[in-house]
Amino acid sequence: MKIIRFFNQKSSLFTIWDIKLAQLTAMLLVLILVKYIPVLLKIDVLVLIVLLIISALRPCYVMFFKKS
């Protein structure tokens, strides 16, 4: 797909600083959302842990088990 190739080419230009700044941006966005929508703080911790594990599965697989 053309759009995927475009983003792959652009993301290969990122340095570690760019990636960390994007992560910081995402964290700040979440903090703003929680500030304006406090009901988000009432989500059960177990639900958040399950979501954390699910979202970490693929990056961990790629990092430790996938062959080049």
N, C-alpha and C. Protein backbone atom coordinates (compact mmCIF):
# COMPACT_ATOMS: atom_id res chain seq x y z
N MET A 1 0.84 -1.17 0.00
CA MET A 1 0.00 0.00 0.00
C MET A 1 0.89 1.25 0.00
N LYS A 2 0.43 2.22 -0.72
CA LYS A 2 1.22 3.43 -0.89
C LYS A 2 1.40 4.21 0.41
N ILE A 3 0.35 4.30 1.20
CA ILE A 3 0.42 5.09 2.45
C ILE A 3 1.37 4.43 3.46
N ILE A 4 1.38 3.12 3.50
CA ILE A 4 2.26 2.41 4.44
C ILE A 4 3.72 2.63 4.03
N ARG A 5 4.00 2.55 2.73
CA ARG A 5 5.36 2.80 2.26
C ARG A 5 5.81 4.23 2.60
N PHE A 6 4.88 5.17 2.44
CA PHE A 6 5.19 6.57 2.76
C PHE A 6 5.58 6.72 4.22
N PHE A 7 4.77 6.16 5.13
CA PHE A 7 5.07 6.29 6.55
C PHE A 7 6.30 5.50 6.95
N ASN A 8 6.56 4.39 6.31
CA ASN A 8 7.79 3.64 6.59
C ASN A 8 9.02 4.45 6.19
N GLN A 9 8.96 5.11 5.06
CA GLN A 9 10.08 5.94 4.62
C GLN A 9 10.29 7.12 5.57
N LYS A 10 9.21 7.76 5.96
CA LYS A 10 9.31 8.91 6.84
C LYS A 10 9.77 8.51 8.25
N SER A 11 9.27 7.38 8.75
CA SER A 11 9.66 6.97 10.11
C SER A 11 11.11 6.52 10.17
N SER A 12 11.67 6.11 9.05
CA SER A 12 13.09 5.72 9.07
C SER A 12 14.00 6.93 9.25
N LEU A 13 13.47 8.13 9.06
CA LEU A 13 14.25 9.35 9.25
C LEU A 13 14.31 9.78 10.72
N PHE A 14 13.48 9.18 11.56
CA PHE A 14 13.42 9.56 12.97
C PHE A 14 14.69 9.17 13.70
N THR A 15 15.12 10.04 14.58
CA THR A 15 16.21 9.71 15.50
C THR A 15 15.58 9.30 16.83
N ILE A 16 16.40 8.90 17.77
CA ILE A 16 15.89 8.51 19.08
C ILE A 16 15.20 9.71 19.75
N TRP A 17 15.71 10.90 19.49
CA TRP A 17 15.10 12.11 20.06
C TRP A 17 13.69 12.32 19.54
N ASP A 18 13.50 12.10 18.25
CA ASP A 18 12.17 12.26 17.66
C ASP A 18 11.18 11.26 18.27
N ILE A 19 11.63 10.04 18.44
CA ILE A 19 10.76 9.00 19.00
C ILE A 19 10.39 9.34 20.44
N LYS A 20 11.38 9.75 21.22
CA LYS A 20 11.11 10.09 22.62
C LYS A 20 10.21 11.32 22.74
N LEU A 21 10.38 12.30 21.85
CA LEU A 21 9.50 13.47 21.87
C LEU A 21 8.06 13.07 21.50
N ALA A 22 7.91 12.14 20.59
CA ALA A 22 6.56 11.65 20.24
C ALA A 22 5.94 10.94 21.44
N GLN A 23 6.73 10.16 22.17
CA GLN A 23 6.23 9.49 23.37
C GLN A 23 5.83 10.51 24.43
N LEU A 24 6.64 11.53 24.61
CA LEU A 24 6.32 12.58 25.57
C LEU A 24 5.02 13.30 25.17
N THR A 25 4.86 13.55 23.89
CA THR A 25 3.65 14.18 23.39
C THR A 25 2.42 13.33 23.72
N ALA A 26 2.53 12.02 23.51
CA ALA A 26 1.41 11.12 23.81
C ALA A 26 1.10 11.13 25.31
N MET A 27 2.13 11.12 26.16
CA MET A 27 1.90 11.15 27.60
C MET A 27 1.23 12.45 28.03
N LEU A 28 1.67 13.56 27.46
CA LEU A 28 1.06 14.85 27.81
C LEU A 28 -0.38 14.93 27.33
N LEU A 29 -0.67 14.35 26.16
CA LEU A 29 -2.04 14.31 25.67
C LEU A 29 -2.93 13.51 26.61
N VAL A 30 -2.43 12.39 27.10
CA VAL A 30 -3.19 11.59 28.05
C VAL A 30 -3.42 12.36 29.35
N LEU A 31 -2.42 13.06 29.83
CA LEU A 31 -2.60 13.87 31.04
C LEU A 31 -3.66 14.95 30.85
N ILE A 32 -3.67 15.57 29.68
CA ILE A 32 -4.70 16.58 29.40
C ILE A 32 -6.08 15.94 29.37
N LEU A 33 -6.20 14.78 28.72
CA LEU A 33 -7.49 14.09 28.68
C LEU A 33 -7.98 13.72 30.07
N VAL A 34 -7.08 13.22 30.91
CA VAL A 34 -7.46 12.85 32.28
C VAL A 34 -7.86 14.08 33.07
N LYS A 35 -7.19 15.18 32.83
CA LYS A 35 -7.52 16.42 33.53
C LYS A 35 -8.93 16.89 33.18
N TYR A 36 -9.30 16.78 31.91
CA TYR A 36 -10.61 17.25 31.47
C TYR A 36 -11.71 16.19 31.55
N ILE A 37 -11.33 14.91 31.61
CA ILE A 37 -12.31 13.82 31.71
C ILE A 37 -11.90 12.95 32.90
N PRO A 38 -12.18 13.39 34.13
CA PRO A 38 -11.71 12.66 35.32
C PRO A 38 -12.30 11.26 35.48
N VAL A 39 -13.37 10.95 34.76
CA VAL A 39 -13.94 9.61 34.87
C VAL A 39 -12.94 8.55 34.36
N LEU A 40 -11.96 8.98 33.56
CA LEU A 40 -10.93 8.04 33.08
C LEU A 40 -10.09 7.48 34.23
N LEU A 41 -10.01 8.24 35.33
CA LEU A 41 -9.24 7.76 36.48
C LEU A 41 -9.94 6.64 37.22
N LYS A 42 -11.21 6.43 36.93
CA LYS A 42 -11.97 5.41 37.64
C LYS A 42 -11.90 4.05 36.97
N ILE A 43 -11.11 3.93 35.90
CA ILE A 43 -10.93 2.64 35.24
C ILE A 43 -10.16 1.73 36.18
N ASP A 44 -10.62 0.49 36.30
CA ASP A 44 -10.00 -0.47 37.20
C ASP A 44 -8.55 -0.74 36.80
N VAL A 45 -7.69 -0.87 37.79
CA VAL A 45 -6.27 -1.10 37.55
C VAL A 45 -6.04 -2.40 36.79
N LEU A 46 -6.81 -3.43 37.06
CA LEU A 46 -6.64 -4.70 36.34
C LEU A 46 -6.92 -4.55 34.85
N VAL A 47 -7.89 -3.74 34.50
CA VAL A 47 -8.17 -3.48 33.09
C VAL A 47 -6.97 -2.80 32.44
N LEU A 48 -6.39 -1.84 33.14
CA LEU A 48 -5.21 -1.15 32.60
C LEU A 48 -4.02 -2.09 32.46
N ILE A 49 -3.85 -3.00 33.41
CA ILE A 49 -2.75 -3.97 33.34
C ILE A 49 -2.95 -4.90 32.15
N VAL A 50 -4.17 -5.36 31.94
CA VAL A 50 -4.45 -6.24 30.80
C VAL A 50 -4.19 -5.50 29.49
N LEU A 51 -4.63 -4.25 29.39
CA LEU A 51 -4.38 -3.46 28.19
C LEU A 51 -2.88 -3.24 27.98
N LEU A 52 -2.15 -3.02 29.06
CA LEU A 52 -0.70 -2.85 28.98
C LEU A 52 -0.04 -4.10 28.42
N ILE A 53 -0.42 -5.25 28.93
CA ILE A 53 0.18 -6.51 28.47
C ILE A 53 -0.16 -6.77 27.01
N ILE A 54 -1.42 -6.55 26.64
CA ILE A 54 -1.83 -6.78 25.26
C ILE A 54 -1.07 -5.85 24.30
N SER A 55 -0.94 -4.59 24.68
CA SER A 55 -0.25 -3.66 23.80
C SER A 55 1.26 -3.89 23.75
N ALA A 56 1.81 -4.56 24.74
CA ALA A 56 3.26 -4.82 24.77
C ALA A 56 3.64 -6.12 24.08
N LEU A 57 2.68 -6.97 23.76
CA LEU A 57 3.00 -8.27 23.19
C LEU A 57 3.76 -8.17 21.87
N ARG A 58 3.23 -7.45 20.93
CA ARG A 58 3.88 -7.38 19.62
C ARG A 58 5.26 -6.72 19.68
N PRO A 59 5.41 -5.56 20.33
CA PRO A 59 6.77 -4.99 20.40
C PRO A 59 7.78 -5.92 21.07
N CYS A 60 7.36 -6.61 22.10
CA CYS A 60 8.28 -7.56 22.77
C CYS A 60 8.61 -8.73 21.86
N TYR A 61 7.63 -9.22 21.12
CA TYR A 61 7.88 -10.30 20.18
C TYR A 61 8.89 -9.87 19.12
N VAL A 62 8.66 -8.70 18.55
CA VAL A 62 9.56 -8.21 17.50
C VAL A 62 10.96 -7.97 18.06
N MET A 63 11.04 -7.43 19.27
CA MET A 63 12.33 -7.10 19.87
C MET A 63 13.15 -8.35 20.20
N PHE A 64 12.51 -9.37 20.77
CA PHE A 64 13.26 -10.48 21.33
C PHE A 64 13.20 -11.78 20.53
N PHE A 65 12.17 -12.00 19.74
CA PHE A 65 11.99 -13.31 19.13
C PHE A 65 12.01 -13.32 17.61
N LYS A 66 11.63 -12.22 16.97
CA LYS A 66 11.56 -12.20 15.51
C LYS A 66 12.97 -12.15 14.92
N LYS A 67 13.17 -12.97 13.93
CA LYS A 67 14.46 -12.99 13.24
C LYS A 67 14.46 -11.93 12.15
N SER A 68 15.62 -11.35 11.91
CA SER A 68 15.73 -10.29 10.88
C SER A 68 15.24 -10.83 9.61
